[in-house]
Amino acid sequence: MLDLSAAPRPHIMAIANQKGGVGKTTTAINLAAGLVEKGARALLVDLDPQGNASTGLGLAPGDRKATSYDLLMDEVPATEIIVETTTPGLFLCPATADLASADIDLVANEKRSFLLHDALREPGLSQLDFDFILIDCPPSLNLLTVNALVAAHSILVPLQTEFFALEGLSQLMLTIRQIRKTANPTLRIEGVVLTMHDSRNRLSQQVEHDARRTLGELVFETIIPRNVRVGEAPSYSLPVLSYDTNSKGAEAYRALTQEILNRHPMKLPMEGADQ
């Protein structure tokens, strides 16, 4: 197990793929829920103008008084934006459609690529004692995604097991390489998680084979299956781990969570306590 006693805390992870419909937001919500289920404190930053992560965690658009747009554009402290969700230990920095104009609104700002980086390292935020900060990126390689990659320690890439899946990764990898050269030299790829997998489908099996052959150990052992409960959960404003805790989707996200924690072990409150 990695010794992360000297590693940055919280660990900031961007969840990104410029292709839409790959399970990015679903992975962000359920990985966050899996982490808090294991005893972590987690913050999910919704950086997608669609605001699906905010909706999926039960925050209606009318209740989003301050959002990630205010965090970036007006430099409102994160502590004034973050809200607690119905999942204990899981907090949210919500988003609205206002973010859609961020690329235009930020273009004249000299710090435009570092705004999220600075916001997530403000002294007040450290007092909330998060173990993980997850960033749900928009389905494009725009300035919002660049902000997430500059702010993050690592990037998790959901990859739908469908035709052309691997071809869509090339531009993302080029962007990561450029970010390493110019703004965040320590950014690393956390891994690629295969999503919406149908074990009965020959194409899904072929994409999995090709991904593991091409990307090797970057691909997580855990595979997220195509599961109706995973699709239903957001309509009830719940992670699938809460909506149907025994479903195959919930079991898969718990397995993914454990793979993440194997790499980033936490010192939980009970550890080191007197027996």
Protein backbone atom coordinates (compact mmCIF):
# COMPACT_ATOMS: atom_id res chain seq x y z
CA MET A 1 0.00 0.00 0.00
CA LEU A 2 1.22 3.47 -0.83
CA ASP A 3 2.56 5.58 2.00
CA LEU A 4 0.72 8.83 1.56
CA SER A 5 1.47 10.26 5.00
CA ALA A 6 3.22 13.17 3.32
CA ALA A 7 0.84 13.39 0.34
CA PRO A 8 -1.39 16.43 -0.17
CA ARG A 9 -4.69 16.27 1.69
CA PRO A 10 -7.36 16.42 0.53
CA HIS A 11 -6.65 14.46 -2.61
CA ILE A 12 -8.20 16.37 -5.52
CA MET A 13 -9.42 14.23 -8.40
CA ALA A 14 -10.93 15.47 -11.67
CA ILE A 15 -13.40 13.13 -13.34
CA ALA A 16 -13.26 13.95 -17.02
CA ASN A 17 -13.94 12.78 -20.54
CA GLN A 18 -14.73 15.21 -23.33
CA LYS A 19 -17.27 12.73 -24.69
CA GLY A 20 -20.72 13.00 -23.16
CA GLY A 21 -22.85 10.09 -21.99
CA VAL A 22 -20.00 7.96 -20.65
CA GLY A 23 -21.13 7.83 -17.02
CA LYS A 24 -18.93 10.70 -15.84
CA THR A 25 -21.43 12.34 -13.48
CA THR A 26 -22.77 8.98 -12.31
CA THR A 27 -19.22 7.95 -11.44
CA ALA A 28 -18.57 11.24 -9.65
CA ILE A 29 -21.69 10.89 -7.49
CA ASN A 30 -21.26 7.24 -6.64
CA LEU A 31 -17.52 7.34 -6.06
CA ALA A 32 -18.09 10.25 -3.67
CA ALA A 33 -20.84 8.27 -1.92
CA GLY A 34 -18.59 5.20 -1.76
CA LEU A 35 -15.80 7.21 -0.16
CA VAL A 36 -18.03 8.63 2.58
CA GLU A 37 -19.47 5.18 3.16
CA LYS A 38 -15.91 4.14 4.02
CA GLY A 39 -15.58 6.98 6.51
CA ALA A 40 -14.12 9.75 4.36
CA ARG A 41 -15.30 13.33 4.17
CA ALA A 42 -15.76 14.26 0.53
CA LEU A 43 -16.60 17.35 -1.48
CA LEU A 44 -18.05 17.08 -4.98
CA VAL A 45 -17.47 20.18 -7.11
CA ASP A 46 -20.03 20.36 -9.91
CA LEU A 47 -18.22 22.05 -12.80
CA ASP A 48 -20.69 20.99 -15.50
CA PRO A 49 -23.17 23.68 -16.69
CA GLN A 50 -25.83 20.97 -16.91
CA GLY A 51 -25.68 20.71 -13.12
CA ASN A 52 -26.56 17.02 -13.17
CA ALA A 53 -24.40 16.16 -10.17
CA SER A 54 -26.21 18.82 -8.16
CA THR A 55 -29.61 17.49 -9.23
CA GLY A 56 -28.54 13.90 -8.64
CA LEU A 57 -27.64 14.77 -5.05
CA GLY A 58 -31.00 16.38 -4.39
CA LEU A 59 -30.32 20.09 -4.80
CA ALA A 60 -33.03 21.71 -6.92
CA PRO A 61 -31.98 24.58 -9.22
CA GLY A 62 -33.94 27.08 -7.15
CA ASP A 63 -32.00 26.13 -4.04
CA ARG A 64 -28.58 26.84 -5.58
CA LYS A 65 -28.02 30.28 -4.10
CA ALA A 66 -24.27 30.37 -4.76
CA THR A 67 -22.53 28.10 -7.24
CA SER A 68 -19.22 27.13 -8.78
CA TYR A 69 -19.71 30.05 -11.19
CA ASP A 70 -19.48 32.42 -8.22
CA LEU A 71 -16.43 30.50 -7.02
CA LEU A 72 -14.62 31.15 -10.30
CA MET A 73 -15.98 34.47 -11.52
CA ASP A 74 -16.48 36.42 -8.30
CA GLU A 75 -13.96 34.52 -6.16
CA VAL A 76 -16.62 33.85 -3.53
CA PRO A 77 -14.98 31.63 -0.87
CA ALA A 78 -15.82 27.94 -1.25
CA THR A 79 -16.95 27.86 2.36
CA GLU A 80 -19.81 30.21 1.43
CA ILE A 81 -20.93 28.00 -1.46
CA ILE A 82 -20.59 24.45 -0.17
CA VAL A 83 -23.77 22.75 1.03
CA GLU A 84 -24.25 19.47 2.85
CA THR A 85 -26.14 16.75 1.00
CA THR A 86 -28.53 14.16 2.41
CA THR A 87 -25.63 11.70 2.36
CA PRO A 88 -23.75 12.27 5.64
CA GLY A 89 -20.15 13.30 5.05
CA LEU A 90 -20.76 14.28 1.42
CA PHE A 91 -20.73 17.98 0.55
CA LEU A 92 -21.48 19.74 -2.72
CA CYS A 93 -20.38 22.85 -4.56
CA PRO A 94 -23.36 23.13 -6.93
CA ALA A 95 -23.58 24.35 -10.52
CA THR A 96 -26.15 26.02 -12.73
CA ALA A 97 -26.39 26.87 -16.42
CA ASP A 98 -24.53 30.12 -15.65
CA LEU A 99 -21.33 28.12 -16.12
CA ALA A 100 -22.07 27.81 -19.84
CA SER A 101 -20.70 31.32 -20.38
CA ALA A 102 -17.55 30.76 -18.32
CA ASP A 103 -15.21 30.41 -21.30
CA ILE A 104 -16.20 33.85 -22.57
CA ASP A 105 -16.41 35.46 -19.15
CA LEU A 106 -12.97 34.23 -18.08
CA VAL A 107 -10.98 34.87 -21.24
CA ALA A 108 -9.76 38.29 -20.10
CA ASN A 109 -8.72 37.06 -16.65
CA GLU A 110 -4.95 36.59 -16.38
CA LYS A 111 -5.44 33.83 -13.79
CA ARG A 112 -8.17 32.13 -15.83
CA SER A 113 -6.62 28.64 -15.70
CA PHE A 114 -5.75 28.78 -11.98
CA LEU A 115 -8.98 30.06 -10.45
CA LEU A 116 -10.22 26.66 -9.26
CA HIS A 117 -6.71 25.69 -8.11
CA ASP A 118 -6.58 28.75 -5.85
CA ALA A 119 -10.17 28.39 -4.64
CA LEU A 120 -9.65 24.80 -3.49
CA ARG A 121 -6.53 25.77 -1.53
CA GLU A 122 -7.94 28.66 0.45
CA PRO A 123 -7.23 28.41 4.21
CA GLY A 124 -10.91 28.32 5.18
CA LEU A 125 -11.57 25.21 3.12
CA SER A 126 -8.90 23.23 4.96
CA GLN A 127 -10.88 23.65 8.17
CA LEU A 128 -13.65 21.49 6.69
CA ASP A 129 -11.20 18.59 6.82
CA PHE A 130 -12.01 16.87 3.54
CA ASP A 131 -10.20 13.68 2.59
CA PHE A 132 -11.19 13.88 -1.08
CA ILE A 133 -12.39 16.56 -3.46
CA LEU A 134 -13.92 15.24 -6.68
CA ILE A 135 -14.52 17.55 -9.65
CA ASP A 136 -17.25 16.62 -12.14
CA CYS A 137 -16.03 18.18 -15.40
CA PRO A 138 -18.12 19.22 -18.39
CA PRO A 139 -18.17 16.94 -21.47
CA SER A 140 -15.71 19.11 -23.38
CA LEU A 141 -12.10 20.25 -23.21
CA ASN A 142 -12.90 23.87 -22.45
CA LEU A 143 -11.57 26.35 -19.91
CA LEU A 144 -13.61 24.73 -17.12
CA THR A 145 -11.94 21.38 -17.73
CA VAL A 146 -8.54 23.08 -17.89
CA ASN A 147 -9.27 24.65 -14.49
CA ALA A 148 -10.10 21.22 -13.10
CA LEU A 149 -6.90 19.65 -14.47
CA VAL A 150 -4.75 22.48 -13.14
CA ALA A 151 -6.40 22.15 -9.71
CA ALA A 152 -6.28 18.34 -9.49
CA HIS A 153 -3.67 15.91 -8.27
CA SER A 154 -5.05 13.21 -10.57
CA ILE A 155 -7.65 12.54 -13.26
CA LEU A 156 -10.10 9.65 -13.44
CA VAL A 157 -11.43 8.87 -16.91
CA PRO A 158 -14.74 7.01 -17.34
CA LEU A 159 -14.72 5.11 -20.64
CA GLN A 160 -17.93 3.69 -22.07
CA THR A 161 -17.47 0.27 -23.62
CA GLU A 162 -18.62 1.20 -27.09
CA PHE A 163 -17.18 1.55 -30.59
CA PHE A 164 -14.67 4.42 -31.00
CA ALA A 165 -14.28 4.68 -27.21
CA LEU A 166 -10.48 4.61 -27.29
CA GLU A 167 -10.24 7.04 -30.19
CA GLY A 168 -11.95 9.67 -28.08
CA LEU A 169 -9.18 9.48 -25.49
CA SER A 170 -6.43 10.83 -27.72
CA GLN A 171 -7.37 14.51 -27.41
CA LEU A 172 -7.80 14.19 -23.64
CA MET A 173 -4.34 12.65 -23.32
CA LEU A 174 -2.85 15.49 -25.39
CA THR A 175 -4.56 18.01 -23.11
CA ILE A 176 -3.20 16.28 -20.00
CA ARG A 177 0.29 16.33 -21.52
CA GLN A 178 -0.02 20.04 -22.24
CA ILE A 179 -1.26 20.80 -18.72
CA ARG A 180 1.73 18.92 -17.30
CA LYS A 181 4.12 21.02 -19.39
CA THR A 182 2.57 24.38 -18.64
CA ALA A 183 0.64 24.47 -15.38
CA ASN A 184 0.52 21.27 -13.33
CA PRO A 185 3.62 19.08 -13.74
CA THR A 186 2.52 16.63 -11.04
CA LEU A 187 -0.88 15.83 -12.59
CA ARG A 188 -1.18 12.10 -13.07
CA ILE A 189 -3.77 9.75 -14.51
CA GLU A 190 -5.55 8.02 -11.66
CA GLY A 191 -6.93 5.48 -14.06
CA VAL A 192 -9.55 4.60 -16.64
CA VAL A 193 -12.78 2.98 -15.46
CA LEU A 194 -14.89 1.05 -17.96
CA THR A 195 -18.56 1.98 -17.71
CA MET A 196 -21.92 0.82 -19.09
CA HIS A 197 -20.46 -2.61 -19.70
CA ASP A 198 -22.71 -5.43 -20.90
CA SER A 199 -20.98 -8.76 -20.39
CA ARG A 200 -23.41 -10.39 -22.84
CA ASN A 201 -22.41 -7.99 -25.59
CA ARG A 202 -19.46 -9.02 -27.75
CA LEU A 203 -18.63 -5.39 -28.49
CA SER A 204 -18.33 -4.56 -24.76
CA GLN A 205 -15.98 -7.51 -24.33
CA GLN A 206 -13.89 -6.42 -27.32
CA VAL A 207 -13.61 -2.82 -26.07
CA GLU A 208 -12.54 -4.08 -22.64
CA HIS A 209 -9.90 -6.30 -24.26
CA ASP A 210 -8.62 -3.44 -26.44
CA ALA A 211 -8.55 -0.99 -23.51
CA ARG A 212 -6.56 -3.35 -21.29
CA ARG A 213 -4.18 -4.20 -24.13
CA THR A 214 -3.63 -0.53 -25.04
CA LEU A 215 -3.69 1.12 -21.60
CA GLY A 216 -2.49 -1.72 -19.42
CA GLU A 217 -2.48 -1.01 -15.69
CA LEU A 218 -4.18 2.34 -16.20
CA VAL A 219 -7.47 0.44 -16.51
CA PHE A 220 -9.12 -0.33 -13.16
CA GLU A 221 -9.96 -3.95 -12.42
CA THR A 222 -13.48 -2.84 -11.53
CA ILE A 223 -15.97 -2.61 -14.39
CA ILE A 224 -19.20 -0.64 -13.99
CA PRO A 225 -22.02 -2.68 -15.53
CA ARG A 226 -24.99 -1.37 -17.45
CA ASN A 227 -27.51 -1.50 -14.61
CA VAL A 228 -31.06 -0.15 -14.48
CA ARG A 229 -30.71 0.80 -10.80
CA VAL A 230 -27.77 3.07 -11.61
CA GLY A 231 -29.94 4.86 -14.15
CA GLU A 232 -32.93 5.16 -11.81
CA ALA A 233 -31.08 6.49 -8.76
CA PRO A 234 -30.63 10.14 -9.91
CA SER A 235 -34.38 10.55 -10.40
CA TYR A 236 -34.71 9.88 -6.67
CA SER A 237 -31.82 12.28 -5.90
CA LEU A 238 -29.76 9.47 -4.45
CA PRO A 239 -26.51 7.67 -5.21
CA VAL A 240 -27.16 4.09 -6.26
CA LEU A 241 -25.39 2.98 -3.08
CA SER A 242 -28.34 4.41 -1.14
CA TYR A 243 -31.09 3.82 -3.69
CA ASP A 244 -30.45 0.07 -4.07
CA THR A 245 -27.54 -0.86 -1.88
CA ASN A 246 -27.42 -4.48 -3.05
CA SER A 247 -27.62 -3.81 -6.78
CA LYS A 248 -24.82 -4.78 -9.13
CA GLY A 249 -24.20 -1.11 -9.81
CA ALA A 250 -23.76 -0.34 -6.12
CA GLU A 251 -21.42 -3.30 -5.68
CA ALA A 252 -19.33 -2.14 -8.63
CA TYR A 253 -18.94 1.40 -7.31
CA ARG A 254 -17.97 0.02 -3.90
CA ALA A 255 -15.28 -2.05 -5.61
CA LEU A 256 -14.04 1.02 -7.49
CA THR A 257 -13.97 2.96 -4.22
CA GLN A 258 -11.84 0.27 -2.63
CA GLU A 259 -9.38 0.38 -5.53
CA ILE A 260 -9.08 4.13 -5.02
CA LEU A 261 -8.59 3.74 -1.28
CA ASN A 262 -5.92 1.10 -1.84
CA ARG A 263 -3.96 3.85 -3.57
CA HIS A 264 -4.92 6.63 -1.18
CA PRO A 265 -5.32 5.05 2.27
CA MET A 266 -6.95 7.22 4.90
CA LYS A 267 -6.18 7.40 8.57
CA LEU A 268 -9.68 6.97 9.92
CA PRO A 269 -10.61 8.17 13.40
CA MET A 270 -10.74 4.65 14.82
CA GLU A 271 -7.23 3.86 13.62
CA GLY A 272 -4.63 4.35 16.30
CA ALA A 273 -7.27 4.59 19.01
CA ASP A 274 -6.76 2.73 22.28
CA GLN A 275 -8.10 -0.79 22.17
